Amino acid sequence: MDIRRRNNVNVTGPDDAPVLLLAHGFGCDQNMWRLVVPALAKRYRVVLFDYVGSGGSDLAAWSEERYSSLQGYAADVVDVCEELDLRQAVFVGHSVSAMVGVLAAQAAPERIGALVMVTPSPCYIDDEGYRGGFSTEDIDELLASLEANYLGWSSAMAPVIMGNPERPELGQELTNSFCATDPDIARVFARTTFLTDSREDLEGVSVPTLVLECEQDAIAPREVGAYVHGAIPGSRLVTLDATGHCPQLSAPEATTGAILGFLESLK
């Protein structure tokens, strides 16, 4: 199988530089990184890709069985790493991809040497002693609405996820990205995203890790960032002066600065 074509792999930046592997979240594709890539690619080799079922990936390669768990998405990451023979790459994962990166690092530790978790959440549902931001009823209602009318759900939810109501063009961009995703594929990815509890997986993280959170985030409140930081020994927590769940779009300079600062600390 042609992994580069399957996952729409694109590489930019100096060939001999350390590697950053950027992974998008639910309903998105690699285009969501476009505002941070130019600055990152000045110093690093940046690898971009789309999960199967997203963006410019080969939709014929998608299967519900594989992508009904985060392990399926982690397998995509490992496949891309092996195809490009990446070693000790820094995995930068947005939203649900932060946890995909954790799984990929466990599956192929020689491939991933550090993690940058952008607005991560290991569990979206509140639990005893844990605030994920949503009740079980909230998530059930969210998924039912998505499955009943995906385009309508996208138009309503994307601006909430993006935040920054004073900049409606950002919410519209996320809406367009959601709406470009096949509804059946989105249904499976949404259930995988919002129903998975990956808290125990955090205990196994042993690579240098940066946790990036926003001051206000309707999807991953700051209690989640604190939890992830506390669960990963030696991790660094940075709170961006930004709102919403997609700081790579709403605050690209702050996001880039935090990532570059972390990368410098690894040298």
C-alpha atoms as a PDB file:
ATOM      1  CA  MET A   1       0.000   0.000   0.000  1.00  0.00           C
ATOM      2  CA  ASP A   2       1.195   3.510  -0.854  1.00  0.00           C
ATOM      3  CA  ILE A   3       1.120   5.126   2.601  1.00  0.00           C
ATOM      4  CA  ARG A   4       2.084   8.538   1.270  1.00  0.00           C
ATOM      5  CA  ARG A   5      -0.923   8.572  -1.013  1.00  0.00           C
ATOM      6  CA  ARG A   6      -3.224   6.881   1.487  1.00  0.00           C
ATOM      7  CA  ASN A   7      -2.538   9.482   4.163  1.00  0.00           C
ATOM      8  CA  ASN A   8      -1.832  12.422   1.835  1.00  0.00           C
ATOM      9  CA  VAL A   9       1.638  12.877   3.318  1.00  0.00           C
ATOM     10  CA  ASN A  10       3.424  16.188   2.708  1.00  0.00           C
ATOM     11  CA  VAL A  11       6.885  17.166   3.927  1.00  0.00           C
ATOM     12  CA  THR A  12       8.462  20.611   4.144  1.00  0.00           C
ATOM     13  CA  GLY A  13      11.495  22.171   5.795  1.00  0.00           C
ATOM     14  CA  PRO A  14      15.198  21.220   5.760  1.00  0.00           C
ATOM     15  CA  ASP A  15      15.862  17.561   4.971  1.00  0.00           C
ATOM     16  CA  ASP A  16      18.521  17.214   7.669  1.00  0.00           C
ATOM     17  CA  ALA A  17      16.587  18.954  10.477  1.00  0.00           C
ATOM     18  CA  PRO A  18      14.839  17.298  13.433  1.00  0.00           C
ATOM     19  CA  VAL A  19      11.363  16.093  12.516  1.00  0.00           C
ATOM     20  CA  LEU A  20       7.970  17.372  13.663  1.00  0.00           C
ATOM     21  CA  LEU A  21       4.971  15.178  12.839  1.00  0.00           C
ATOM     22  CA  LEU A  22       1.748  17.237  12.948  1.00  0.00           C
ATOM     23  CA  ALA A  23      -1.567  15.415  13.485  1.00  0.00           C
ATOM     24  CA  HIS A  24      -5.011  16.999  13.141  1.00  0.00           C
ATOM     25  CA  GLY A  25      -8.122  16.417  15.241  1.00  0.00           C
ATOM     26  CA  PHE A  26     -11.709  15.301  14.598  1.00  0.00           C
ATOM     27  CA  GLY A  27     -13.383  16.784  11.527  1.00  0.00           C
ATOM     28  CA  CYS A  28     -10.179  18.459  10.376  1.00  0.00           C
ATOM     29  CA  ASP A  29      -7.199  17.837   8.121  1.00  0.00           C
ATOM     30  CA  GLN A  30      -3.604  18.971   7.783  1.00  0.00           C
ATOM     31  CA  ASN A  31      -4.704  22.378   6.475  1.00  0.00           C
ATOM     32  CA  MET A  32      -5.500  23.315  10.083  1.00  0.00           C
ATOM     33  CA  TRP A  33      -1.743  23.665  10.682  1.00  0.00           C
ATOM     34  CA  ARG A  34      -1.062  26.063   7.815  1.00  0.00           C
ATOM     35  CA  LEU A  35      -0.591  29.143  10.015  1.00  0.00           C
ATOM     36  CA  VAL A  36       2.103  27.543  12.191  1.00  0.00           C
ATOM     37  CA  VAL A  37       3.967  25.539   9.547  1.00  0.00           C
ATOM     38  CA  PRO A  38       5.986  28.399   7.955  1.00  0.00           C
ATOM     39  CA  ALA A  39       7.689  29.336  11.237  1.00  0.00           C
ATOM     40  CA  LEU A  40       8.229  25.709  12.272  1.00  0.00           C
ATOM     41  CA  ALA A  41       9.616  24.724   8.867  1.00  0.00           C
ATOM     42  CA  LYS A  42      12.403  27.295   9.099  1.00  0.00           C
ATOM     43  CA  ARG A  43      14.159  25.137  11.690  1.00  0.00           C
ATOM     44  CA  TYR A  44      12.506  21.726  11.463  1.00  0.00           C
ATOM     45  CA  ARG A  45      11.447  19.125   8.937  1.00  0.00           C
ATOM     46  CA  VAL A  46       7.661  19.214   9.165  1.00  0.00           C
ATOM     47  CA  VAL A  47       5.604  16.161   8.202  1.00  0.00           C
ATOM     48  CA  LEU A  48       1.893  16.672   7.556  1.00  0.00           C
ATOM     49  CA  PHE A  49      -0.684  13.976   6.882  1.00  0.00           C
ATOM     50  CA  ASP A  50      -4.411  13.242   6.962  1.00  0.00           C
ATOM     51  CA  TYR A  51      -5.899  10.319   8.845  1.00  0.00           C
ATOM     52  CA  VAL A  52      -7.696   7.891   6.558  1.00  0.00           C
ATOM     53  CA  GLY A  53     -11.198   9.297   6.145  1.00  0.00           C
ATOM     54  CA  SER A  54     -10.090  12.922   6.446  1.00  0.00           C
ATOM     55  CA  GLY A  55      -8.932  15.623   4.037  1.00  0.00           C
ATOM     56  CA  GLY A  56      -7.088  14.358   0.986  1.00  0.00           C
ATOM     57  CA  SER A  57      -6.619  10.799   2.258  1.00  0.00           C
ATOM     58  CA  ASP A  58      -7.657   7.742   0.266  1.00  0.00           C
ATOM     59  CA  LEU A  59     -11.232   7.205   1.427  1.00  0.00           C
ATOM     60  CA  ALA A  60     -11.233   3.733  -0.109  1.00  0.00           C
ATOM     61  CA  ALA A  61      -8.784   2.688   2.624  1.00  0.00           C
ATOM     62  CA  TRP A  62     -11.202   3.564   5.422  1.00  0.00           C
ATOM     63  CA  SER A  63     -12.893   0.841   7.443  1.00  0.00           C
ATOM     64  CA  GLU A  64     -15.234   1.183  10.392  1.00  0.00           C
ATOM     65  CA  GLU A  65     -13.564  -1.718  12.169  1.00  0.00           C
ATOM     66  CA  ARG A  66     -10.117  -0.104  12.150  1.00  0.00           C
ATOM     67  CA  TYR A  67     -11.205   3.428  12.958  1.00  0.00           C
ATOM     68  CA  SER A  68     -13.660   2.607  15.733  1.00  0.00           C
ATOM     69  CA  SER A  69     -10.795   2.893  18.212  1.00  0.00           C
ATOM     70  CA  LEU A  70      -7.942   5.324  18.714  1.00  0.00           C
ATOM     71  CA  GLN A  71      -5.594   2.415  18.025  1.00  0.00           C
ATOM     72  CA  GLY A  72      -6.605   2.592  14.365  1.00  0.00           C
ATOM     73  CA  TYR A  73      -5.526   6.219  14.139  1.00  0.00           C
ATOM     74  CA  ALA A  74      -2.317   5.433  16.036  1.00  0.00           C
ATOM     75  CA  ALA A  75      -1.651   2.741  13.434  1.00  0.00           C
ATOM     76  CA  ASP A  76      -1.846   5.435  10.737  1.00  0.00           C
ATOM     77  CA  VAL A  77       0.782   7.435  12.640  1.00  0.00           C
ATOM     78  CA  VAL A  78       3.097   4.439  12.949  1.00  0.00           C
ATOM     79  CA  ASP A  79       2.612   3.619   9.246  1.00  0.00           C
ATOM     80  CA  VAL A  80       3.629   7.160   8.264  1.00  0.00           C
ATOM     81  CA  CYS A  81       6.651   7.022  10.584  1.00  0.00           C
ATOM     82  CA  GLU A  82       7.778   3.717   9.124  1.00  0.00           C
ATOM     83  CA  GLU A  83       7.192   4.850   5.536  1.00  0.00           C
ATOM     84  CA  LEU A  84       9.404   7.916   6.060  1.00  0.00           C
ATOM     85  CA  ASP A  85      11.733   6.062   8.449  1.00  0.00           C
ATOM     86  CA  LEU A  86      11.220   8.711  11.115  1.00  0.00           C
ATOM     87  CA  ARG A  87      13.161   8.241  14.338  1.00  0.00           C
ATOM     88  CA  GLN A  88      12.727  10.222  17.532  1.00  0.00           C
ATOM     89  CA  ALA A  89      10.269  12.570  15.837  1.00  0.00           C
ATOM     90  CA  VAL A  90       8.348  15.112  17.887  1.00  0.00           C
ATOM     91  CA  PHE A  91       4.649  14.307  17.572  1.00  0.00           C
ATOM     92  CA  VAL A  92       2.382  17.376  17.700  1.00  0.00           C
ATOM     93  CA  GLY A  93      -1.222  16.262  18.173  1.00  0.00           C
ATOM     94  CA  HIS A  94      -4.293  18.484  18.304  1.00  0.00           C
ATOM     95  CA  SER A  95      -7.289  17.553  20.459  1.00  0.00           C
ATOM     96  CA  VAL A  96      -8.019  13.813  20.192  1.00  0.00           C
ATOM     97  CA  SER A  97      -4.739  13.378  18.311  1.00  0.00           C
ATOM     98  CA  ALA A  98      -2.844  14.175  21.486  1.00  0.00           C
ATOM     99  CA  MET A  99      -3.993  10.828  22.848  1.00  0.00           C
ATOM    100  CA  VAL A 100      -3.381   9.144  19.493  1.00  0.00           C
ATOM    101  CA  GLY A 101       0.212  10.293  19.868  1.00  0.00           C
ATOM    102  CA  VAL A 102       0.443   8.672  23.289  1.00  0.00           C
ATOM    103  CA  LEU A 103      -0.666   5.356  21.794  1.00  0.00           C
ATOM    104  CA  ALA A 104       1.669   5.683  18.807  1.00  0.00           C
ATOM    105  CA  ALA A 105       4.632   6.417  21.086  1.00  0.00           C
ATOM    106  CA  GLN A 106       3.829   3.295  23.089  1.00  0.00           C
ATOM    107  CA  ALA A 107       3.508   1.177  19.946  1.00  0.00           C
ATOM    108  CA  ALA A 108       6.690   2.467  18.290  1.00  0.00           C
ATOM    109  CA  PRO A 109       8.909   4.118  20.914  1.00  0.00           C
ATOM    110  CA  GLU A 110      11.868   4.299  18.534  1.00  0.00           C
ATOM    111  CA  ARG A 111       9.818   6.498  16.191  1.00  0.00           C
ATOM    112  CA  ILE A 112       8.521   9.170  18.581  1.00  0.00           C
ATOM    113  CA  GLY A 113      10.865  10.939  20.978  1.00  0.00           C
ATOM    114  CA  ALA A 114       8.629  13.697  22.389  1.00  0.00           C
ATOM    115  CA  LEU A 115       5.000  14.807  22.499  1.00  0.00           C
ATOM    116  CA  VAL A 116       3.300  18.162  22.095  1.00  0.00           C
ATOM    117  CA  MET A 117      -0.333  17.864  23.174  1.00  0.00           C
ATOM    118  CA  VAL A 118      -2.440  20.773  21.894  1.00  0.00           C
ATOM    119  CA  THR A 119      -5.702  21.159  23.887  1.00  0.00           C
ATOM    120  CA  PRO A 120      -5.748  17.456  24.807  1.00  0.00           C
ATOM    121  CA  SER A 121      -8.433  15.510  26.614  1.00  0.00           C
ATOM    122  CA  PRO A 122      -8.065  11.878  27.679  1.00  0.00           C
ATOM    123  CA  CYS A 123     -11.750  11.701  28.634  1.00  0.00           C
ATOM    124  CA  TYR A 124     -14.534  14.144  27.760  1.00  0.00           C
ATOM    125  CA  ILE A 125     -17.045  12.773  30.273  1.00  0.00           C
ATOM    126  CA  ASP A 126     -17.077  13.882  33.907  1.00  0.00           C
ATOM    127  CA  ASP A 127     -16.234  11.206  36.457  1.00  0.00           C
ATOM    128  CA  GLU A 128     -15.832  11.091  40.204  1.00  0.00           C
ATOM    129  CA  GLY A 129     -12.901  13.377  40.975  1.00  0.00           C
ATOM    130  CA  TYR A 130     -12.450  14.249  37.323  1.00  0.00           C
ATOM    131  CA  ARG A 131     -13.945  17.030  35.215  1.00  0.00           C
ATOM    132  CA  GLY A 132     -13.933  16.297  31.510  1.00  0.00           C
ATOM    133  CA  GLY A 133     -16.375  19.072  30.659  1.00  0.00           C
ATOM    134  CA  PHE A 134     -19.431  16.999  29.712  1.00  0.00           C
ATOM    135  CA  SER A 135     -21.933  14.728  31.424  1.00  0.00           C
ATOM    136  CA  THR A 136     -22.836  11.370  29.908  1.00  0.00           C
ATOM    137  CA  GLU A 137     -26.169  12.906  28.900  1.00  0.00           C
ATOM    138  CA  ASP A 138     -24.365  15.796  27.166  1.00  0.00           C
ATOM    139  CA  ILE A 139     -22.300  13.416  25.052  1.00  0.00           C
ATOM    140  CA  ASP A 140     -25.282  11.193  24.246  1.00  0.00           C
ATOM    141  CA  GLU A 141     -27.193  14.260  23.062  1.00  0.00           C
ATOM    142  CA  LEU A 142     -24.208  15.543  21.073  1.00  0.00           C
ATOM    143  CA  LEU A 143     -23.771  12.231  19.259  1.00  0.00           C
ATOM    144  CA  ALA A 144     -27.500  11.819  18.620  1.00  0.00           C
ATOM    145  CA  SER A 145     -27.650  15.303  17.102  1.00  0.00           C
ATOM    146  CA  LEU A 146     -24.580  14.608  14.967  1.00  0.00           C
ATOM    147  CA  GLU A 147     -25.998  11.349  13.665  1.00  0.00           C
ATOM    148  CA  ALA A 148     -29.424  12.817  12.936  1.00  0.00           C
ATOM    149  CA  ASN A 149     -28.200  15.858  10.988  1.00  0.00           C
ATOM    150  CA  TYR A 150     -24.437  16.063  10.577  1.00  0.00           C
ATOM    151  CA  LEU A 151     -24.399  19.231   8.486  1.00  0.00           C
ATOM    152  CA  GLY A 152     -26.718  21.017  10.891  1.00  0.00           C
ATOM    153  CA  TRP A 153     -24.666  19.802  13.856  1.00  0.00           C
ATOM    154  CA  SER A 154     -21.491  21.054  12.198  1.00  0.00           C
ATOM    155  CA  SER A 155     -22.944  24.508  11.613  1.00  0.00           C
ATOM    156  CA  ALA A 156     -24.050  24.751  15.240  1.00  0.00           C
ATOM    157  CA  MET A 157     -21.069  23.153  16.988  1.00  0.00           C
ATOM    158  CA  ALA A 158     -18.060  24.334  14.996  1.00  0.00           C
ATOM    159  CA  PRO A 159     -18.325  27.968  16.177  1.00  0.00           C
ATOM    160  CA  VAL A 160     -18.680  26.750  19.781  1.00  0.00           C
ATOM    161  CA  ILE A 161     -15.600  24.552  19.444  1.00  0.00           C
ATOM    162  CA  MET A 162     -13.613  27.316  17.781  1.00  0.00           C
ATOM    163  CA  GLY A 163     -14.682  30.030  20.232  1.00  0.00           C
ATOM    164  CA  ASN A 164     -13.691  33.596  19.308  1.00  0.00           C
ATOM    165  CA  PRO A 165     -17.209  34.739  18.313  1.00  0.00           C
ATOM    166  CA  GLU A 166     -15.792  38.153  17.451  1.00  0.00           C
ATOM    167  CA  ARG A 167     -13.898  36.416  14.617  1.00  0.00           C
ATOM    168  CA  PRO A 168     -16.700  34.505  12.851  1.00  0.00           C
ATOM    169  CA  GLU A 169     -14.439  33.585   9.946  1.00  0.00           C
ATOM    170  CA  LEU A 170     -12.658  31.117  12.227  1.00  0.00           C
ATOM    171  CA  GLY A 171     -15.885  29.354  13.134  1.00  0.00           C
ATOM    172  CA  GLN A 172     -16.850  29.283   9.469  1.00  0.00           C
ATOM    173  CA  GLU A 173     -13.558  27.667   8.530  1.00  0.00           C
ATOM    174  CA  LEU A 174     -14.075  24.900  11.057  1.00  0.00           C
ATOM    175  CA  THR A 175     -17.670  24.478   9.887  1.00  0.00           C
ATOM    176  CA  ASN A 176     -16.460  24.067   6.305  1.00  0.00           C
ATOM    177  CA  SER A 177     -13.887  21.511   7.437  1.00  0.00           C
ATOM    178  CA  PHE A 178     -16.485  19.503   9.346  1.00  0.00           C
ATOM    179  CA  CYS A 179     -18.921  19.634   6.439  1.00  0.00           C
ATOM    180  CA  ALA A 180     -16.270  18.340   4.033  1.00  0.00           C
ATOM    181  CA  THR A 181     -16.060  15.102   6.031  1.00  0.00           C
ATOM    182  CA  ASP A 182     -18.249  12.174   4.984  1.00  0.00           C
ATOM    183  CA  PRO A 183     -21.079  11.957   7.568  1.00  0.00           C
ATOM    184  CA  ASP A 184     -20.700   8.190   8.042  1.00  0.00           C
ATOM    185  CA  ILE A 185     -16.970   8.530   8.662  1.00  0.00           C
ATOM    186  CA  ALA A 186     -17.567  11.506  10.955  1.00  0.00           C
ATOM    187  CA  ARG A 187     -20.069   9.483  12.986  1.00  0.00           C
ATOM    188  CA  VAL A 188     -17.494   6.779  13.699  1.00  0.00           C
ATOM    189  CA  PHE A 189     -14.684   9.268  14.438  1.00  0.00           C
ATOM    190  CA  ALA A 190     -16.963  11.255  16.760  1.00  0.00           C
ATOM    191  CA  ARG A 191     -17.897   8.189  18.790  1.00  0.00           C
ATOM    192  CA  THR A 192     -14.254   7.172  18.981  1.00  0.00           C
ATOM    193  CA  THR A 193     -13.315  10.694  20.090  1.00  0.00           C
ATOM    194  CA  PHE A 194     -15.991  11.440  22.652  1.00  0.00           C
ATOM    195  CA  LEU A 195     -16.559   7.991  24.173  1.00  0.00           C
ATOM    196  CA  THR A 196     -12.954   6.868  24.667  1.00  0.00           C
ATOM    197  CA  ASP A 197     -11.406   7.055  28.127  1.00  0.00           C
ATOM    198  CA  SER A 198      -7.623   7.168  27.737  1.00  0.00           C
ATOM    199  CA  ARG A 199      -6.692   8.344  31.205  1.00  0.00           C
ATOM    200  CA  GLU A 200      -4.793   5.179  32.078  1.00  0.00           C
ATOM    201  CA  ASP A 201      -2.665   5.526  28.944  1.00  0.00           C
ATOM    202  CA  LEU A 202      -1.146   8.732  30.314  1.00  0.00           C
ATOM    203  CA  GLU A 203       0.630   6.756  33.026  1.00  0.00           C
ATOM    204  CA  GLY A 204       2.867   5.113  30.439  1.00  0.00           C
ATOM    205  CA  VAL A 205       4.181   8.315  28.863  1.00  0.00           C
ATOM    206  CA  SER A 206       7.931   8.509  29.416  1.00  0.00           C
ATOM    207  CA  VAL A 207       9.038  10.945  26.688  1.00  0.00           C
ATOM    208  CA  PRO A 208       9.384  14.728  27.154  1.00  0.00           C
ATOM    209  CA  THR A 209       5.895  16.208  26.867  1.00  0.00           C
ATOM    210  CA  LEU A 210       4.419  19.674  26.406  1.00  0.00           C
ATOM    211  CA  VAL A 211       0.756  20.207  27.290  1.00  0.00           C
ATOM    212  CA  LEU A 212      -0.749  23.287  25.612  1.00  0.00           C
ATOM    213  CA  GLU A 213      -4.091  24.594  26.861  1.00  0.00           C
ATOM    214  CA  CYS A 214      -6.082  27.779  26.260  1.00  0.00           C
ATOM    215  CA  GLU A 215      -7.372  30.239  28.839  1.00  0.00           C
ATOM    216  CA  GLN A 216     -10.930  29.332  27.799  1.00  0.00           C
ATOM    217  CA  ASP A 217     -11.885  26.168  25.964  1.00  0.00           C
ATOM    218  CA  ALA A 218     -15.441  24.836  25.760  1.00  0.00           C
ATOM    219  CA  ILE A 219     -14.237  21.353  24.792  1.00  0.00           C
ATOM    220  CA  ALA A 220     -11.229  20.862  27.080  1.00  0.00           C
ATOM    221  CA  PRO A 221     -11.502  23.043  30.199  1.00  0.00           C
ATOM    222  CA  ARG A 222      -8.393  23.925  32.139  1.00  0.00           C
ATOM    223  CA  GLU A 223      -9.059  21.221  34.708  1.00  0.00           C
ATOM    224  CA  VAL A 224      -8.294  18.746  31.904  1.00  0.00           C
ATOM    225  CA  GLY A 225      -4.969  20.373  31.103  1.00  0.00           C
ATOM    226  CA  ALA A 226      -4.035  20.248  34.775  1.00  0.00           C
ATOM    227  CA  TYR A 227      -5.024  16.574  34.918  1.00  0.00           C
ATOM    228  CA  VAL A 228      -2.936  15.626  31.870  1.00  0.00           C
ATOM    229  CA  HIS A 229       0.031  17.586  33.207  1.00  0.00           C
ATOM    230  CA  GLY A 230      -0.271  15.898  36.600  1.00  0.00           C
ATOM    231  CA  ALA A 231      -0.561  12.441  35.076  1.00  0.00           C
ATOM    232  CA  ILE A 232       2.588  12.695  32.931  1.00  0.00           C
ATOM    233  CA  PRO A 233       5.740  12.914  35.061  1.00  0.00           C
ATOM    234  CA  GLY A 234       8.022  15.776  34.097  1.00  0.00           C
ATOM    235  CA  SER A 235       5.613  17.263  31.587  1.00  0.00           C
ATOM    236  CA  ARG A 236       5.445  21.001  30.949  1.00  0.00           C
ATOM    237  CA  LEU A 237       2.100  22.835  31.017  1.00  0.00           C
ATOM    238  CA  VAL A 238       1.697  26.097  29.090  1.00  0.00           C
ATOM    239  CA  THR A 239      -1.525  28.108  29.181  1.00  0.00           C
ATOM    240  CA  LEU A 240      -1.845  30.153  26.015  1.00  0.00           C
ATOM    241  CA  ASP A 241      -3.387  33.618  26.085  1.00  0.00           C
ATOM    242  CA  ALA A 242      -6.055  32.335  23.719  1.00  0.00           C
ATOM    243  CA  THR A 243      -9.642  31.135  23.644  1.00  0.00           C
ATOM    244  CA  GLY A 244     -11.259  28.196  21.920  1.00  0.00           C
ATOM    245  CA  HIS A 245     -10.135  24.682  21.108  1.00  0.00           C
ATOM    246  CA  CYS A 246      -7.971  25.429  18.041  1.00  0.00           C
ATOM    247  CA  PRO A 247      -5.155  27.809  19.025  1.00  0.00           C
ATOM    248  CA  GLN A 248      -3.142  26.903  15.938  1.00  0.00           C
ATOM    249  CA  LEU A 249      -5.773  28.917  14.055  1.00  0.00           C
ATOM    250  CA  SER A 250      -6.897  31.474  16.622  1.00  0.00           C
ATOM    251  CA  ALA A 251      -3.465  32.210  18.138  1.00  0.00           C
ATOM    252  CA  PRO A 252      -0.834  30.821  15.742  1.00  0.00           C
ATOM    253  CA  GLU A 253       2.046  33.003  16.944  1.00  0.00           C
ATOM    254  CA  ALA A 254       1.548  32.056  20.601  1.00  0.00           C
ATOM    255  CA  THR A 255       1.155  28.406  19.653  1.00  0.00           C
ATOM    256  CA  THR A 256       4.288  28.439  17.520  1.00  0.00           C
ATOM    257  CA  GLY A 257       6.254  30.236  20.221  1.00  0.00           C
ATOM    258  CA  ALA A 258       5.307  27.683  22.860  1.00  0.00           C
ATOM    259  CA  ILE A 259       6.207  24.759  20.599  1.00  0.00           C
ATOM    260  CA  LEU A 260       9.562  26.265  19.602  1.00  0.00           C
ATOM    261  CA  GLY A 261      10.382  27.049  23.219  1.00  0.00           C
ATOM    262  CA  PHE A 262       9.727  23.431  24.163  1.00  0.00           C
ATOM    263  CA  LEU A 263      11.805  22.149  21.252  1.00  0.00           C
ATOM    264  CA  GLU A 264      14.728  24.331  22.277  1.00  0.00           C
ATOM    265  CA  SER A 265      14.579  22.795  25.756  1.00  0.00           C
ATOM    266  CA  LEU A 266      15.092  19.346  24.239  1.00  0.00           C
ATOM    267  CA  LYS A 267      18.494  20.219  22.754  1.00  0.00           C
END
